[in-house]
N, C-alpha and C. Protein backbone atom coordinates (compact mmCIF):
# COMPACT_ATOMS: atom_id res chain seq x y z
N UNK A 1 150.83 85.33 81.12
CA UNK A 1 151.51 84.33 81.94
C UNK A 1 152.57 83.59 81.18
N UNK A 2 152.26 83.11 79.98
CA UNK A 2 153.24 82.42 79.22
C UNK A 2 154.41 83.36 78.81
N UNK A 3 154.00 84.70 78.62
CA UNK A 3 155.03 85.51 78.24
C UNK A 3 156.18 85.98 79.30
N UNK A 4 155.55 86.00 80.52
CA UNK A 4 156.49 86.34 81.63
C UNK A 4 157.04 85.17 82.46
N UNK A 5 156.21 84.18 82.41
CA UNK A 5 156.51 83.04 83.17
C UNK A 5 156.79 81.65 82.26
N UNK A 6 156.70 81.84 81.12
CA UNK A 6 156.51 80.58 80.18
C UNK A 6 157.82 79.68 80.45
N UNK A 7 159.02 80.24 80.71
CA UNK A 7 160.19 79.56 80.81
C UNK A 7 160.06 78.59 82.02
N UNK A 8 159.22 78.76 82.94
CA UNK A 8 159.12 77.87 84.07
C UNK A 8 158.17 76.67 83.95
N UNK A 9 157.43 76.73 82.96
CA UNK A 9 156.49 75.59 82.60
C UNK A 9 156.43 74.95 81.30
N UNK A 10 156.97 75.76 80.22
CA UNK A 10 156.98 75.37 78.87
C UNK A 10 158.09 74.14 78.78
N UNK A 11 157.81 73.14 77.83
CA UNK A 11 158.66 71.97 77.99
C UNK A 11 160.12 72.28 77.66
N UNK A 12 160.45 73.21 76.69
CA UNK A 12 161.76 73.52 76.28
C UNK A 12 162.00 74.93 76.14
N UNK A 13 163.18 75.30 76.08
CA UNK A 13 163.47 76.67 75.81
C UNK A 13 163.13 77.05 74.42
N UNK A 14 163.16 76.09 73.55
CA UNK A 14 162.82 76.27 72.19
C UNK A 14 161.23 76.59 71.98
N UNK A 15 160.30 76.09 72.91
CA UNK A 15 159.06 76.43 72.92
C UNK A 15 158.85 77.94 73.29
N UNK A 16 159.60 78.44 74.19
CA UNK A 16 159.47 79.92 74.45
C UNK A 16 159.91 80.77 73.24
N UNK A 17 161.01 80.38 72.68
CA UNK A 17 161.47 80.98 71.47
C UNK A 17 160.29 80.98 70.28
N UNK A 18 159.80 79.85 70.26
CA UNK A 18 158.64 79.79 69.12
C UNK A 18 157.38 80.64 69.50
N UNK A 19 157.07 80.65 70.86
CA UNK A 19 156.11 81.51 71.30
C UNK A 19 156.26 82.90 70.76
N UNK A 20 157.58 83.52 71.14
CA UNK A 20 157.93 84.77 70.73
C UNK A 20 157.84 85.02 69.09
N UNK A 21 158.32 83.91 68.39
CA UNK A 21 158.29 83.91 66.93
C UNK A 21 156.90 84.18 66.47
N UNK A 22 155.97 83.23 67.02
CA UNK A 22 154.60 83.41 66.52
C UNK A 22 153.90 84.69 67.01
N UNK A 23 154.32 85.33 67.99
CA UNK A 23 153.70 86.67 68.32
C UNK A 23 154.26 87.61 67.34
N UNK A 24 155.57 87.52 67.06
CA UNK A 24 156.12 88.62 65.97
C UNK A 24 155.56 88.15 64.51
N UNK A 25 155.38 86.94 64.35
CA UNK A 25 154.82 86.59 63.05
C UNK A 25 153.35 87.15 62.87
N UNK A 26 152.61 87.04 63.87
CA UNK A 26 151.25 87.44 63.75
C UNK A 26 151.01 88.82 64.39
N UNK A 27 151.88 89.65 64.27
CA UNK A 27 151.77 91.01 64.90
C UNK A 27 150.67 91.86 64.31
N UNK A 28 150.29 91.61 63.00
CA UNK A 28 149.17 92.47 62.50
C UNK A 28 147.90 92.19 63.27
N UNK A 29 147.77 90.91 63.64
CA UNK A 29 146.43 90.62 64.40
C UNK A 29 146.46 91.32 65.74
N UNK A 30 147.53 91.19 66.43
CA UNK A 30 147.80 91.98 67.74
C UNK A 30 147.59 93.46 67.69
N UNK A 31 148.21 93.99 66.51
CA UNK A 31 148.09 95.39 66.14
C UNK A 31 146.65 95.79 66.04
N UNK A 32 145.83 95.00 65.14
CA UNK A 32 144.50 95.41 64.96
C UNK A 32 143.66 95.13 66.27
N UNK A 33 143.92 94.24 66.86
CA UNK A 33 143.19 94.02 68.23
C UNK A 33 143.46 95.17 69.21
N UNK A 34 144.60 95.53 69.26
CA UNK A 34 145.08 96.85 70.25
C UNK A 34 144.25 98.09 69.66
N UNK A 35 144.20 98.26 68.37
CA UNK A 35 143.51 99.43 67.86
C UNK A 35 142.12 99.44 68.16
N UNK A 36 141.55 98.22 67.92
CA UNK A 36 140.03 98.11 68.16
C UNK A 36 139.70 98.32 69.62
N UNK A 37 140.54 97.73 70.60
CA UNK A 37 140.19 97.84 72.08
C UNK A 37 140.54 99.24 72.51
N UNK A 38 141.62 99.86 71.96
CA UNK A 38 141.99 101.11 72.48
C UNK A 38 140.87 102.16 72.07
N UNK A 39 140.25 101.86 70.89
CA UNK A 39 139.22 102.90 70.44
C UNK A 39 137.93 102.65 71.27
N UNK A 40 137.70 101.39 71.73
CA UNK A 40 136.52 101.15 72.48
C UNK A 40 136.74 101.73 74.05
N UNK A 41 137.96 101.52 74.44
CA UNK A 41 138.30 101.91 75.76
C UNK A 41 138.31 103.32 76.09
N UNK A 42 138.50 104.13 74.91
CA UNK A 42 138.45 105.49 75.05
C UNK A 42 137.04 106.33 74.95
N UNK A 43 136.09 105.40 74.47
CA UNK A 43 134.74 105.94 74.59
C UNK A 43 133.94 105.47 75.73
N UNK A 44 132.87 106.26 76.01
CA UNK A 44 132.02 105.75 77.04
C UNK A 44 131.19 104.65 76.60
N UNK A 45 130.71 103.86 77.52
CA UNK A 45 129.85 102.75 77.19
C UNK A 45 130.09 101.43 78.04
N UNK A 46 129.32 100.45 77.63
CA UNK A 46 129.37 99.32 78.57
C UNK A 46 130.65 98.57 78.28
N UNK A 47 131.32 98.84 77.19
CA UNK A 47 132.58 97.76 76.94
C UNK A 47 133.70 98.50 77.26
N UNK A 48 133.77 99.61 77.80
CA UNK A 48 134.89 100.49 78.12
C UNK A 48 135.89 99.67 79.04
N UNK A 49 135.35 99.24 80.18
CA UNK A 49 136.11 98.43 81.10
C UNK A 49 136.84 97.27 80.67
N UNK A 50 135.91 96.38 80.06
CA UNK A 50 136.66 95.20 79.45
C UNK A 50 137.68 95.52 78.38
N UNK A 51 137.42 96.48 77.62
CA UNK A 51 138.39 96.95 76.56
C UNK A 51 139.60 97.45 77.13
N UNK A 52 139.52 98.19 78.23
CA UNK A 52 140.68 98.59 79.02
C UNK A 52 141.49 97.54 79.58
N UNK A 53 140.86 96.37 79.94
CA UNK A 53 141.53 95.26 80.52
C UNK A 53 142.25 94.56 79.43
N UNK A 54 141.74 94.43 78.22
CA UNK A 54 142.32 93.83 77.08
C UNK A 54 143.67 94.68 76.63
N UNK A 55 143.37 96.12 76.63
CA UNK A 55 144.46 96.99 76.34
C UNK A 55 145.62 96.57 77.34
N UNK A 56 145.41 96.66 78.60
CA UNK A 56 146.42 96.34 79.56
C UNK A 56 147.09 95.04 79.32
N UNK A 57 146.26 94.07 79.13
CA UNK A 57 146.78 92.67 78.88
C UNK A 57 147.85 92.63 77.56
N UNK A 58 147.64 93.44 76.80
CA UNK A 58 148.35 93.44 75.49
C UNK A 58 149.80 94.16 75.64
N UNK A 59 150.06 94.64 76.73
CA UNK A 59 151.25 95.48 77.06
C UNK A 59 152.56 94.60 76.66
N UNK A 60 152.64 93.53 77.13
CA UNK A 60 153.93 92.63 76.89
C UNK A 60 153.92 92.15 75.41
N UNK A 61 152.72 91.89 74.89
CA UNK A 61 152.64 91.43 73.62
C UNK A 61 153.24 92.61 72.61
N UNK A 62 152.69 93.66 72.91
CA UNK A 62 153.25 94.82 72.15
C UNK A 62 154.57 95.15 72.35
N UNK A 63 154.98 94.90 73.46
CA UNK A 63 156.56 95.25 73.95
C UNK A 63 157.45 94.25 72.96
N UNK A 64 157.01 93.01 72.92
CA UNK A 64 157.66 91.87 72.14
C UNK A 64 157.64 92.37 70.76
N UNK A 65 156.62 92.79 70.10
CA UNK A 65 156.50 93.15 68.68
C UNK A 65 157.32 94.37 68.46
N UNK A 66 157.25 95.31 69.29
CA UNK A 66 157.93 96.65 69.06
C UNK A 66 159.44 96.47 69.15
N UNK A 67 159.80 95.50 70.04
CA UNK A 67 161.37 95.25 70.25
C UNK A 67 161.82 94.35 69.20
N UNK A 68 161.18 93.32 68.81
CA UNK A 68 161.84 92.38 67.74
C UNK A 68 161.59 92.84 66.27
N UNK A 69 160.49 93.52 65.94
CA UNK A 69 160.39 93.73 64.52
C UNK A 69 161.47 94.69 64.03
N UNK A 70 161.80 95.62 64.71
CA UNK A 70 163.04 96.50 64.20
C UNK A 70 164.38 95.69 64.03
N UNK A 71 164.46 94.85 65.00
CA UNK A 71 165.70 93.96 65.10
C UNK A 71 165.73 92.92 63.78
N UNK A 72 164.48 92.46 63.53
CA UNK A 72 164.38 91.49 62.39
C UNK A 72 164.51 92.41 61.01
N UNK A 73 163.88 93.49 61.03
CA UNK A 73 164.04 94.19 59.70
C UNK A 73 165.46 94.79 59.45
N UNK A 74 166.20 95.00 60.66
CA UNK A 74 167.68 95.37 60.51
C UNK A 74 168.54 94.20 60.07
N UNK A 75 168.22 93.06 60.66
CA UNK A 75 169.05 91.81 60.23
C UNK A 75 168.76 91.56 58.73
N UNK A 76 167.53 91.64 58.32
CA UNK A 76 167.16 91.36 56.85
C UNK A 76 167.96 92.52 55.88
N UNK A 77 168.10 93.72 56.56
CA UNK A 77 168.67 94.79 55.70
C UNK A 77 170.21 94.45 55.54
N UNK A 78 170.78 94.25 56.73
CA UNK A 78 172.27 93.96 56.89
C UNK A 78 172.59 92.73 55.94
N UNK A 79 171.81 91.83 56.02
CA UNK A 79 172.16 90.57 55.22
C UNK A 79 171.56 90.52 53.87
N UNK A 80 170.94 91.60 53.40
CA UNK A 80 170.26 91.68 52.11
C UNK A 80 169.29 90.52 51.91
N UNK A 81 168.42 90.25 52.68
CA UNK A 81 167.52 89.22 52.55
C UNK A 81 166.09 89.83 52.54
N UNK A 82 165.33 89.49 51.59
CA UNK A 82 163.97 90.18 51.52
C UNK A 82 163.04 89.33 52.46
N UNK A 83 163.07 88.06 52.47
CA UNK A 83 162.10 87.11 53.20
C UNK A 83 163.01 86.23 54.20
N UNK A 84 162.82 86.49 55.26
CA UNK A 84 163.75 85.61 56.25
C UNK A 84 162.93 84.31 56.61
N UNK A 85 163.73 83.35 56.87
CA UNK A 85 163.24 81.98 57.12
C UNK A 85 162.80 81.99 58.61
N UNK A 86 162.17 81.00 59.01
CA UNK A 86 161.85 80.84 60.46
C UNK A 86 163.07 80.67 61.38
N UNK A 87 163.97 79.92 60.85
CA UNK A 87 165.23 79.77 61.66
C UNK A 87 166.03 81.23 61.83
N UNK A 88 166.05 81.99 60.70
CA UNK A 88 166.73 83.29 60.93
C UNK A 88 165.98 84.19 61.71
N UNK A 89 164.57 84.18 61.84
CA UNK A 89 163.85 84.86 62.75
C UNK A 89 164.16 84.41 64.27
N UNK A 90 164.12 83.14 64.28
CA UNK A 90 164.33 82.55 65.72
C UNK A 90 165.75 82.83 66.21
N UNK A 91 166.73 83.02 65.23
CA UNK A 91 168.16 83.51 65.56
C UNK A 91 168.08 84.84 66.12
N UNK A 92 167.41 85.73 65.49
CA UNK A 92 167.27 87.09 65.97
C UNK A 92 166.54 87.21 67.23
N UNK A 93 165.57 86.40 67.57
CA UNK A 93 164.87 86.39 68.73
C UNK A 93 165.75 85.91 69.91
N UNK A 94 166.45 84.86 69.64
CA UNK A 94 167.38 84.34 70.69
C UNK A 94 168.48 85.25 71.00
N UNK A 95 169.01 86.01 70.07
CA UNK A 95 170.16 86.75 70.38
C UNK A 95 169.71 88.14 70.84
N UNK A 96 168.44 88.51 71.02
CA UNK A 96 167.98 89.86 71.53
C UNK A 96 167.05 89.85 72.70
N UNK A 97 167.03 88.61 73.48
CA UNK A 97 166.16 88.61 74.63
C UNK A 97 166.75 89.60 75.71
N UNK A 98 168.11 89.81 75.84
CA UNK A 98 168.66 90.51 76.74
C UNK A 98 168.23 92.10 76.85
N UNK A 99 167.90 92.56 75.70
CA UNK A 99 167.51 93.83 75.63
C UNK A 99 166.04 94.06 75.67
N UNK A 100 165.19 93.05 75.90
CA UNK A 100 163.80 93.05 75.88
C UNK A 100 163.33 93.39 77.32
N UNK A 101 162.47 94.38 77.52
CA UNK A 101 161.91 94.72 78.85
C UNK A 101 160.34 94.40 78.87
N UNK A 102 160.15 93.48 79.85
CA UNK A 102 158.58 93.21 79.88
C UNK A 102 158.09 93.69 81.22
N UNK A 103 156.74 93.82 81.45
CA UNK A 103 156.11 94.26 82.49
C UNK A 103 155.59 93.21 83.29
N UNK A 104 155.85 93.03 84.52
CA UNK A 104 155.31 91.98 85.42
C UNK A 104 153.76 92.45 85.59
N UNK A 105 152.91 91.54 85.14
CA UNK A 105 151.44 91.76 85.37
C UNK A 105 150.98 91.51 86.79
N UNK A 106 150.06 92.35 87.12
CA UNK A 106 149.55 92.22 88.61
C UNK A 106 148.56 91.01 88.46
N UNK A 107 148.52 90.29 89.61
CA UNK A 107 147.41 89.37 89.84
C UNK A 107 147.73 87.89 89.21
N UNK A 108 149.01 87.71 88.65
CA UNK A 108 149.16 86.38 88.10
C UNK A 108 149.44 85.44 89.23
N UNK A 109 149.84 85.81 90.41
CA UNK A 109 149.98 84.96 91.45
C UNK A 109 148.74 84.65 92.05
N UNK A 110 147.51 85.12 91.75
CA UNK A 110 146.21 84.86 92.29
C UNK A 110 145.36 84.25 91.31
N UNK A 111 144.80 83.12 91.75
CA UNK A 111 144.09 82.40 90.72
C UNK A 111 142.95 81.64 91.46
N UNK A 112 141.99 81.32 90.80
CA UNK A 112 140.77 80.61 91.34
C UNK A 112 141.22 78.97 91.24
N UNK A 113 141.14 78.41 92.42
CA UNK A 113 141.52 77.08 92.66
C UNK A 113 140.65 76.19 91.64
N UNK A 114 141.29 75.14 91.21
CA UNK A 114 140.59 74.16 90.29
C UNK A 114 139.42 73.47 91.24
N UNK A 115 138.42 73.23 90.70
CA UNK A 115 137.30 72.72 91.38
C UNK A 115 136.67 71.46 90.37
N UNK A 116 136.55 70.28 91.08
CA UNK A 116 135.82 69.26 90.24
C UNK A 116 134.36 69.51 89.98
N UNK A 117 133.81 70.43 90.69
CA UNK A 117 132.46 70.74 90.61
C UNK A 117 132.40 72.40 90.39
N UNK A 118 132.77 72.81 89.13
CA UNK A 118 132.91 74.14 88.85
C UNK A 118 131.49 74.88 88.96
N UNK A 119 131.51 76.18 89.15
CA UNK A 119 130.22 76.90 89.22
C UNK A 119 129.34 76.64 87.99
N UNK A 120 129.89 76.30 86.89
CA UNK A 120 129.18 76.18 85.60
C UNK A 120 128.52 74.71 85.59
N UNK A 121 128.88 73.81 86.57
CA UNK A 121 128.51 72.43 86.46
C UNK A 121 126.94 72.29 86.37
N UNK A 122 126.28 72.99 87.00
CA UNK A 122 124.69 72.85 87.08
C UNK A 122 124.20 73.22 85.70
N UNK A 123 124.73 74.34 84.97
CA UNK A 123 124.38 74.79 83.66
C UNK A 123 124.58 73.61 82.65
N UNK A 124 125.77 73.01 82.73
CA UNK A 124 126.28 72.03 81.76
C UNK A 124 125.35 70.72 82.05
N UNK A 125 125.26 70.42 83.15
CA UNK A 125 124.35 69.24 83.49
C UNK A 125 123.00 69.35 82.94
N UNK A 126 122.49 70.67 83.02
CA UNK A 126 121.02 70.92 82.55
C UNK A 126 121.04 70.77 81.09
N UNK A 127 122.17 71.34 80.46
CA UNK A 127 122.30 71.38 78.89
C UNK A 127 122.39 69.98 78.35
N UNK A 128 123.34 69.10 79.02
CA UNK A 128 123.26 67.78 78.53
C UNK A 128 122.03 67.11 78.86
N UNK A 129 121.37 67.17 79.85
CA UNK A 129 119.99 66.60 80.10
C UNK A 129 118.93 67.08 79.11
N UNK A 130 118.92 68.22 78.73
CA UNK A 130 118.02 68.90 77.67
C UNK A 130 118.33 68.27 76.35
N UNK A 131 119.51 68.15 75.95
CA UNK A 131 120.01 67.60 74.79
C UNK A 131 119.58 66.11 74.68
N UNK A 132 119.91 65.28 75.70
CA UNK A 132 119.61 63.96 75.69
C UNK A 132 118.05 63.66 75.50
N UNK A 133 117.23 64.42 76.28
CA UNK A 133 115.80 64.34 76.30
C UNK A 133 115.39 64.68 74.88
N UNK A 134 115.78 65.64 74.30
CA UNK A 134 115.38 66.25 72.95
C UNK A 134 115.72 65.00 71.82
N UNK A 135 117.05 64.39 72.06
CA UNK A 135 117.34 63.37 71.19
C UNK A 135 116.41 62.17 71.27
N UNK A 136 116.25 61.80 72.50
CA UNK A 136 115.24 60.62 72.79
C UNK A 136 113.80 61.01 72.19
N UNK A 137 113.47 62.16 72.38
CA UNK A 137 112.12 62.48 71.83
C UNK A 137 112.00 62.45 70.40
N UNK A 138 113.07 62.98 69.71
CA UNK A 138 112.92 63.27 68.15
C UNK A 138 113.71 62.16 67.40
N UNK A 139 114.38 61.49 67.93
CA UNK A 139 115.14 60.35 67.06
C UNK A 139 114.67 58.94 67.46
N UNK A 140 114.08 58.23 66.52
CA UNK A 140 113.51 56.94 66.87
C UNK A 140 114.72 55.93 66.52
N UNK A 141 115.37 55.40 67.60
CA UNK A 141 116.31 54.68 67.40
C UNK A 141 115.77 53.09 66.97
N UNK A 142 114.58 52.81 67.15
CA UNK A 142 114.05 51.55 66.72
C UNK A 142 114.06 51.21 65.21
N UNK A 143 113.71 52.35 64.54
CA UNK A 143 113.64 52.21 62.94
C UNK A 143 114.93 52.14 62.28
N UNK A 144 116.04 52.58 63.03
CA UNK A 144 117.30 52.56 62.42
C UNK A 144 118.16 51.37 62.68
N UNK A 145 118.75 50.84 61.70
CA UNK A 145 119.68 49.71 62.07
C UNK A 145 121.06 50.28 62.81
N UNK A 146 121.74 49.55 63.49
CA UNK A 146 122.99 49.97 64.08
C UNK A 146 123.93 50.42 63.26
N UNK A 147 124.05 49.84 62.01
CA UNK A 147 125.04 50.42 60.93
C UNK A 147 124.63 51.88 60.57
N UNK A 148 123.32 52.13 60.24
CA UNK A 148 122.93 53.31 59.90
C UNK A 148 123.13 54.36 60.94
N UNK A 149 122.63 54.00 62.13
CA UNK A 149 122.89 54.89 63.24
C UNK A 149 124.35 55.27 63.51
N UNK A 150 125.28 54.28 63.49
CA UNK A 150 126.74 54.82 63.64
C UNK A 150 127.18 55.72 62.43
N UNK A 151 126.65 55.31 61.28
CA UNK A 151 127.10 56.13 60.09
C UNK A 151 126.40 57.59 60.26
N UNK A 152 125.18 57.66 60.70
CA UNK A 152 124.67 58.98 61.11
C UNK A 152 125.41 59.80 62.13
N UNK A 153 125.82 59.07 63.22
CA UNK A 153 126.49 59.81 64.21
C UNK A 153 128.01 60.13 63.93
N UNK A 154 128.46 59.30 62.88
CA UNK A 154 129.97 59.65 62.56
C UNK A 154 130.05 60.88 61.54
N UNK A 155 128.87 61.29 61.04
CA UNK A 155 128.87 62.44 60.20
C UNK A 155 128.54 63.77 60.89
N UNK A 156 128.21 63.63 62.22
CA UNK A 156 127.94 64.86 63.03
C UNK A 156 129.08 65.74 63.32
N UNK A 157 129.01 66.91 63.02
CA UNK A 157 130.32 67.75 63.28
C UNK A 157 129.93 68.87 64.10
């Protein structure tokens, strides 16, 4: 959604540029993820369908990487630069949007309406209730001073 429609809701056009910069910068993670889900999606098993969905979802990310990486490498070679700065990469990204082709994803116009009482509310309500009861049962607040109690709770991570 951010890749194909980000310009409509990201705060500035620079945010869009920075999104693409981060995708290109972290390309190895996306490449590894793609290889892993491609391997799983070509095998039979319970994870085949979810892996296929992830593979499909990575189409535009891979298009961005495959489009901009050669342009960045070419820019570096032409300018005899071994390590490009963030500003130089952003310059390459900004100057090469016009030749980038992205695929419109199906179903982005369909979404589940926000609900104040989501389906998971009962689960989380019971979880919080269980935690509260467990704390009441196992922690004696009477024996702790308020200072010690606040110190204990401040170190919980």
